[in-house]
Amino acid sequence: MMEGGFEEGFPNIDLSETALADLARATYYENMAKTLLSFCLKALKRLSHTQWARAEKKPFKTIVDEIAEELKSWPDVAPYFEQIQHKHDGWRDQRNFIVHSNWGKNFIGKTAGYCYRRERLGDENYITAAVNHCLWLAKESRNFGYQMALLIASGSLPEGNDGVGLTMKTPLKSVHF
């Protein structure tokens, strides 16, 4: 024990192992969505790998906004992006809530999290909702990425030629972002 009676090391987090795993899963899905969307941005803007590496570090919202701007030239693909564009903030806010919350027990002994930034209280159900929203975001991003891959396979967009990046199979061929 340290001076003052505190134990050394990190404090325990009052979440079940499943809830902790779900918290990580939500973050993984959000990261997967961001990576997929950044490769779509790479294709739309015809970025080199070096340029993509800089673009991928931008905030999620900035990547979404830049894709939306680029899609003005691609109205056939825009519908596949609409749900992402309009709902990503809410879905990601749910993930941010669970990550930035302080978890403990409420006055009746149930697990609860409080996020000071959002001034909101939640429980383990918020974690489940965040996982579901981030999974949906990742799936929608994958579907949009596939539409971009079809454009590349058809020759409407140039294929990435820098030897690094995402490869996706289409009925015509495998394409490189």
C-alpha atoms as a PDB file:
ATOM      1  CA  MET A   1       0.000   0.000   0.000  1.00  0.00           C
ATOM      2  CA  MET A   2       1.066   3.566  -0.663  1.00  0.00           C
ATOM      3  CA  GLU A   3       0.994   6.394   1.826  1.00  0.00           C
ATOM      4  CA  GLY A   4      -2.546   7.420   2.628  1.00  0.00           C
ATOM      5  CA  GLY A   5      -3.876   3.845   2.379  1.00  0.00           C
ATOM      6  CA  PHE A   6      -4.274   3.603  -1.421  1.00  0.00           C
ATOM      7  CA  GLU A   7      -3.304   0.437  -3.245  1.00  0.00           C
ATOM      8  CA  GLU A   8      -0.637   0.683  -5.898  1.00  0.00           C
ATOM      9  CA  GLY A   9      -1.499   0.084  -9.529  1.00  0.00           C
ATOM     10  CA  PHE A  10      -4.563   0.754 -11.589  1.00  0.00           C
ATOM     11  CA  PRO A  11      -7.990   0.750  -9.930  1.00  0.00           C
ATOM     12  CA  ASN A  12     -10.465  -1.979 -10.782  1.00  0.00           C
ATOM     13  CA  ILE A  13     -13.081  -1.103 -13.376  1.00  0.00           C
ATOM     14  CA  ASP A  14     -16.569  -2.079 -12.273  1.00  0.00           C
ATOM     15  CA  LEU A  15     -17.508  -3.792 -15.508  1.00  0.00           C
ATOM     16  CA  SER A  16     -17.956  -7.462 -16.302  1.00  0.00           C
ATOM     17  CA  GLU A  17     -15.417  -9.103 -18.576  1.00  0.00           C
ATOM     18  CA  THR A  18     -18.080  -9.229 -21.291  1.00  0.00           C
ATOM     19  CA  ALA A  19     -18.787  -5.501 -20.934  1.00  0.00           C
ATOM     20  CA  LEU A  20     -15.057  -4.719 -21.084  1.00  0.00           C
ATOM     21  CA  ALA A  21     -14.718  -6.874 -24.202  1.00  0.00           C
ATOM     22  CA  ASP A  22     -17.731  -5.122 -25.738  1.00  0.00           C
ATOM     23  CA  LEU A  23     -16.189  -1.742 -24.983  1.00  0.00           C
ATOM     24  CA  ALA A  24     -13.094  -2.813 -26.915  1.00  0.00           C
ATOM     25  CA  ARG A  25     -15.246  -4.296 -29.689  1.00  0.00           C
ATOM     26  CA  ALA A  26     -17.079  -0.981 -30.193  1.00  0.00           C
ATOM     27  CA  THR A  27     -13.739   0.806 -30.518  1.00  0.00           C
ATOM     28  CA  TYR A  28     -12.490  -1.839 -32.964  1.00  0.00           C
ATOM     29  CA  TYR A  29     -15.579  -1.475 -35.160  1.00  0.00           C
ATOM     30  CA  GLU A  30     -15.307   2.308 -35.177  1.00  0.00           C
ATOM     31  CA  ASN A  31     -11.637   2.069 -36.170  1.00  0.00           C
ATOM     32  CA  MET A  32     -12.484  -0.435 -38.913  1.00  0.00           C
ATOM     33  CA  ALA A  33     -15.093   1.973 -40.303  1.00  0.00           C
ATOM     34  CA  LYS A  34     -12.667   4.889 -40.233  1.00  0.00           C
ATOM     35  CA  THR A  35      -9.953   2.890 -42.007  1.00  0.00           C
ATOM     36  CA  LEU A  36     -12.364   1.712 -44.722  1.00  0.00           C
ATOM     37  CA  LEU A  37     -13.681   5.224 -45.257  1.00  0.00           C
ATOM     38  CA  SER A  38     -10.162   6.644 -45.422  1.00  0.00           C
ATOM     39  CA  PHE A  39      -9.338   4.163 -48.208  1.00  0.00           C
ATOM     40  CA  CYS A  40     -12.493   5.293 -50.031  1.00  0.00           C
ATOM     41  CA  LEU A  41     -11.282   8.865 -49.673  1.00  0.00           C
ATOM     42  CA  LYS A  42      -7.911   7.746 -51.050  1.00  0.00           C
ATOM     43  CA  ALA A  43      -9.639   6.385 -54.150  1.00  0.00           C
ATOM     44  CA  LEU A  44     -11.944   9.372 -54.635  1.00  0.00           C
ATOM     45  CA  LYS A  45      -9.148  11.930 -54.289  1.00  0.00           C
ATOM     46  CA  ARG A  46      -6.577   9.710 -56.031  1.00  0.00           C
ATOM     47  CA  LEU A  47      -4.179  10.035 -53.092  1.00  0.00           C
ATOM     48  CA  SER A  48      -0.753   8.448 -52.896  1.00  0.00           C
ATOM     49  CA  HIS A  49      -0.003   6.263 -49.891  1.00  0.00           C
ATOM     50  CA  THR A  50       1.865   9.121 -48.220  1.00  0.00           C
ATOM     51  CA  GLN A  51      -1.081  11.470 -48.763  1.00  0.00           C
ATOM     52  CA  TRP A  52      -3.486   8.774 -47.523  1.00  0.00           C
ATOM     53  CA  ALA A  53      -1.416   8.271 -44.345  1.00  0.00           C
ATOM     54  CA  ARG A  54      -1.877  11.975 -43.561  1.00  0.00           C
ATOM     55  CA  ALA A  55      -5.586  11.893 -44.463  1.00  0.00           C
ATOM     56  CA  GLU A  56      -6.206   8.803 -42.311  1.00  0.00           C
ATOM     57  CA  LYS A  57      -5.047  10.728 -39.237  1.00  0.00           C
ATOM     58  CA  LYS A  58      -7.800  13.305 -39.681  1.00  0.00           C
ATOM     59  CA  PRO A  59     -10.836  13.152 -37.390  1.00  0.00           C
ATOM     60  CA  PHE A  60     -13.615  10.781 -38.457  1.00  0.00           C
ATOM     61  CA  LYS A  61     -15.996  13.681 -39.124  1.00  0.00           C
ATOM     62  CA  THR A  62     -13.470  15.382 -41.434  1.00  0.00           C
ATOM     63  CA  ILE A  63     -13.061  12.193 -43.474  1.00  0.00           C
ATOM     64  CA  VAL A  64     -16.853  11.880 -43.772  1.00  0.00           C
ATOM     65  CA  ASP A  65     -17.192  15.525 -44.820  1.00  0.00           C
ATOM     66  CA  GLU A  66     -14.455  15.189 -47.451  1.00  0.00           C
ATOM     67  CA  ILE A  67     -16.054  12.044 -48.885  1.00  0.00           C
ATOM     68  CA  ALA A  68     -19.427  13.810 -49.040  1.00  0.00           C
ATOM     69  CA  GLU A  69     -17.817  16.659 -50.978  1.00  0.00           C
ATOM     70  CA  GLU A  70     -16.139  14.253 -53.415  1.00  0.00           C
ATOM     71  CA  LEU A  71     -19.369  12.304 -53.928  1.00  0.00           C
ATOM     72  CA  LYS A  72     -20.995  15.308 -55.571  1.00  0.00           C
ATOM     73  CA  SER A  73     -19.284  13.996 -58.714  1.00  0.00           C
ATOM     74  CA  TRP A  74     -20.544  10.432 -58.112  1.00  0.00           C
ATOM     75  CA  PRO A  75     -24.337  10.616 -57.597  1.00  0.00           C
ATOM     76  CA  ASP A  76     -24.786   6.867 -58.275  1.00  0.00           C
ATOM     77  CA  VAL A  77     -22.666   5.982 -55.243  1.00  0.00           C
ATOM     78  CA  ALA A  78     -23.889   8.747 -52.919  1.00  0.00           C
ATOM     79  CA  PRO A  79     -26.949   6.792 -51.658  1.00  0.00           C
ATOM     80  CA  TYR A  80     -24.624   4.138 -50.192  1.00  0.00           C
ATOM     81  CA  PHE A  81     -22.998   6.868 -48.111  1.00  0.00           C
ATOM     82  CA  GLU A  82     -26.087   8.727 -46.876  1.00  0.00           C
ATOM     83  CA  GLN A  83     -26.658   6.684 -43.707  1.00  0.00           C
ATOM     84  CA  ILE A  84     -23.001   7.031 -42.745  1.00  0.00           C
ATOM     85  CA  GLN A  85     -23.035  10.758 -43.406  1.00  0.00           C
ATOM     86  CA  HIS A  86     -26.202  11.452 -41.438  1.00  0.00           C
ATOM     87  CA  LYS A  87     -25.808   9.061 -38.514  1.00  0.00           C
ATOM     88  CA  HIS A  88     -22.085   8.646 -37.815  1.00  0.00           C
ATOM     89  CA  ASP A  89     -21.981  11.404 -35.189  1.00  0.00           C
ATOM     90  CA  GLY A  90     -24.705   9.805 -33.077  1.00  0.00           C
ATOM     91  CA  TRP A  91     -23.291   6.309 -33.427  1.00  0.00           C
ATOM     92  CA  ARG A  92     -19.799   7.443 -32.540  1.00  0.00           C
ATOM     93  CA  ASP A  93     -21.055   9.603 -29.662  1.00  0.00           C
ATOM     94  CA  GLN A  94     -22.444   6.454 -28.073  1.00  0.00           C
ATOM     95  CA  ARG A  95     -19.011   4.824 -28.328  1.00  0.00           C
ATOM     96  CA  ASN A  96     -17.325   7.947 -26.992  1.00  0.00           C
ATOM     97  CA  PHE A  97     -19.756   7.996 -24.063  1.00  0.00           C
ATOM     98  CA  ILE A  98     -18.812   4.496 -22.929  1.00  0.00           C
ATOM     99  CA  VAL A  99     -15.080   5.061 -23.439  1.00  0.00           C
ATOM    100  CA  HIS A 100     -14.972   8.394 -21.591  1.00  0.00           C
ATOM    101  CA  SER A 101     -17.289   7.388 -18.743  1.00  0.00           C
ATOM    102  CA  ASN A 102     -16.120   6.663 -15.223  1.00  0.00           C
ATOM    103  CA  TRP A 103     -17.553   3.276 -14.334  1.00  0.00           C
ATOM    104  CA  GLY A 104     -18.590   2.224 -10.863  1.00  0.00           C
ATOM    105  CA  LYS A 105     -21.662   1.237  -8.884  1.00  0.00           C
ATOM    106  CA  ASN A 106     -24.758   3.383  -8.494  1.00  0.00           C
ATOM    107  CA  PHE A 107     -26.635   3.841  -5.220  1.00  0.00           C
ATOM    108  CA  ILE A 108     -28.433   0.474  -5.587  1.00  0.00           C
ATOM    109  CA  GLY A 109     -25.268  -1.457  -6.449  1.00  0.00           C
ATOM    110  CA  LYS A 110     -25.750  -1.691 -10.236  1.00  0.00           C
ATOM    111  CA  THR A 111     -22.930  -0.936 -12.662  1.00  0.00           C
ATOM    112  CA  ALA A 112     -23.169   2.630 -13.944  1.00  0.00           C
ATOM    113  CA  GLY A 113     -21.028   5.009 -15.947  1.00  0.00           C
ATOM    114  CA  TYR A 114     -20.989   8.772 -15.801  1.00  0.00           C
ATOM    115  CA  CYS A 115     -19.521  10.873 -18.593  1.00  0.00           C
ATOM    116  CA  TYR A 116     -18.564  14.311 -17.350  1.00  0.00           C
ATOM    117  CA  ARG A 117     -18.210  15.720 -20.884  1.00  0.00           C
ATOM    118  CA  ARG A 118     -21.764  14.799 -21.760  1.00  0.00           C
ATOM    119  CA  GLU A 119     -23.137  15.159 -18.216  1.00  0.00           C
ATOM    120  CA  ARG A 120     -24.936  11.860 -18.703  1.00  0.00           C
ATOM    121  CA  LEU A 121     -25.344   8.665 -16.713  1.00  0.00           C
ATOM    122  CA  GLY A 122     -25.596   5.246 -18.339  1.00  0.00           C
ATOM    123  CA  ASP A 123     -25.347   1.543 -17.640  1.00  0.00           C
ATOM    124  CA  GLU A 124     -24.062  -1.595 -19.350  1.00  0.00           C
ATOM    125  CA  ASN A 125     -26.944  -1.350 -21.848  1.00  0.00           C
ATOM    126  CA  TYR A 126     -25.189   1.725 -23.259  1.00  0.00           C
ATOM    127  CA  ILE A 127     -22.182  -0.491 -23.994  1.00  0.00           C
ATOM    128  CA  THR A 128     -24.353  -2.978 -25.880  1.00  0.00           C
ATOM    129  CA  ALA A 129     -25.943  -0.146 -27.863  1.00  0.00           C
ATOM    130  CA  ALA A 130     -22.515   1.309 -28.702  1.00  0.00           C
ATOM    131  CA  VAL A 131     -21.294  -2.066 -29.975  1.00  0.00           C
ATOM    132  CA  ASN A 132     -24.383  -2.441 -32.155  1.00  0.00           C
ATOM    133  CA  HIS A 133     -24.097   1.094 -33.554  1.00  0.00           C
ATOM    134  CA  CYS A 134     -20.389   0.787 -34.277  1.00  0.00           C
ATOM    135  CA  LEU A 135     -20.923  -2.630 -35.892  1.00  0.00           C
ATOM    136  CA  TRP A 136     -23.606  -1.071 -38.081  1.00  0.00           C
ATOM    137  CA  LEU A 137     -21.227   1.791 -38.934  1.00  0.00           C
ATOM    138  CA  ALA A 138     -18.512  -0.712 -39.887  1.00  0.00           C
ATOM    139  CA  LYS A 139     -20.949  -2.712 -42.048  1.00  0.00           C
ATOM    140  CA  GLU A 140     -22.217   0.410 -43.802  1.00  0.00           C
ATOM    141  CA  SER A 141     -18.631   1.534 -44.382  1.00  0.00           C
ATOM    142  CA  ARG A 142     -17.798  -1.892 -45.809  1.00  0.00           C
ATOM    143  CA  ASN A 143     -20.824  -1.722 -48.139  1.00  0.00           C
ATOM    144  CA  PHE A 144     -19.781   1.738 -49.285  1.00  0.00           C
ATOM    145  CA  GLY A 145     -16.217   0.504 -49.776  1.00  0.00           C
ATOM    146  CA  TYR A 146     -17.539  -2.301 -51.950  1.00  0.00           C
ATOM    147  CA  GLN A 147     -19.373   0.225 -54.139  1.00  0.00           C
ATOM    148  CA  MET A 148     -16.107   2.118 -54.490  1.00  0.00           C
ATOM    149  CA  ALA A 149     -14.357  -1.145 -55.402  1.00  0.00           C
ATOM    150  CA  LEU A 150     -16.942  -1.704 -58.149  1.00  0.00           C
ATOM    151  CA  LEU A 151     -16.136   1.760 -59.551  1.00  0.00           C
ATOM    152  CA  ILE A 152     -12.448   0.891 -59.538  1.00  0.00           C
ATOM    153  CA  ALA A 153     -13.091  -2.508 -61.159  1.00  0.00           C
ATOM    154  CA  SER A 154     -15.166  -0.870 -63.908  1.00  0.00           C
ATOM    155  CA  GLY A 155     -12.392   1.627 -64.618  1.00  0.00           C
ATOM    156  CA  SER A 156     -14.389   4.656 -63.475  1.00  0.00           C
ATOM    157  CA  LEU A 157     -11.826   5.306 -60.739  1.00  0.00           C
ATOM    158  CA  PRO A 158      -8.131   4.520 -61.056  1.00  0.00           C
ATOM    159  CA  GLU A 159      -6.779   1.597 -59.106  1.00  0.00           C
ATOM    160  CA  GLY A 160      -4.185   2.272 -56.439  1.00  0.00           C
ATOM    161  CA  ASN A 161      -0.725   1.461 -57.756  1.00  0.00           C
ATOM    162  CA  ASP A 162       1.496   2.206 -54.802  1.00  0.00           C
ATOM    163  CA  GLY A 163       1.616  -1.427 -53.638  1.00  0.00           C
ATOM    164  CA  VAL A 164       0.131  -0.750 -50.204  1.00  0.00           C
ATOM    165  CA  GLY A 165      -3.431  -0.457 -49.012  1.00  0.00           C
ATOM    166  CA  LEU A 166      -6.702  -2.299 -49.104  1.00  0.00           C
ATOM    167  CA  THR A 167      -7.565  -4.991 -51.637  1.00  0.00           C
ATOM    168  CA  MET A 168     -11.188  -5.972 -52.210  1.00  0.00           C
ATOM    169  CA  LYS A 169     -12.677  -8.677 -54.435  1.00  0.00           C
ATOM    170  CA  THR A 170     -15.449  -7.830 -56.876  1.00  0.00           C
ATOM    171  CA  PRO A 171     -17.154 -10.044 -59.485  1.00  0.00           C
ATOM    172  CA  LEU A 172     -14.930  -8.466 -62.164  1.00  0.00           C
ATOM    173  CA  LYS A 173     -11.584  -8.650 -60.353  1.00  0.00           C
ATOM    174  CA  SER A 174      -9.746  -7.896 -57.144  1.00  0.00           C
ATOM    175  CA  VAL A 175      -9.039  -4.191 -56.867  1.00  0.00           C
ATOM    176  CA  HIS A 176      -6.499  -2.236 -54.905  1.00  0.00           C
ATOM    177  CA  PHE A 177      -7.334   1.052 -53.194  1.00  0.00           C
END
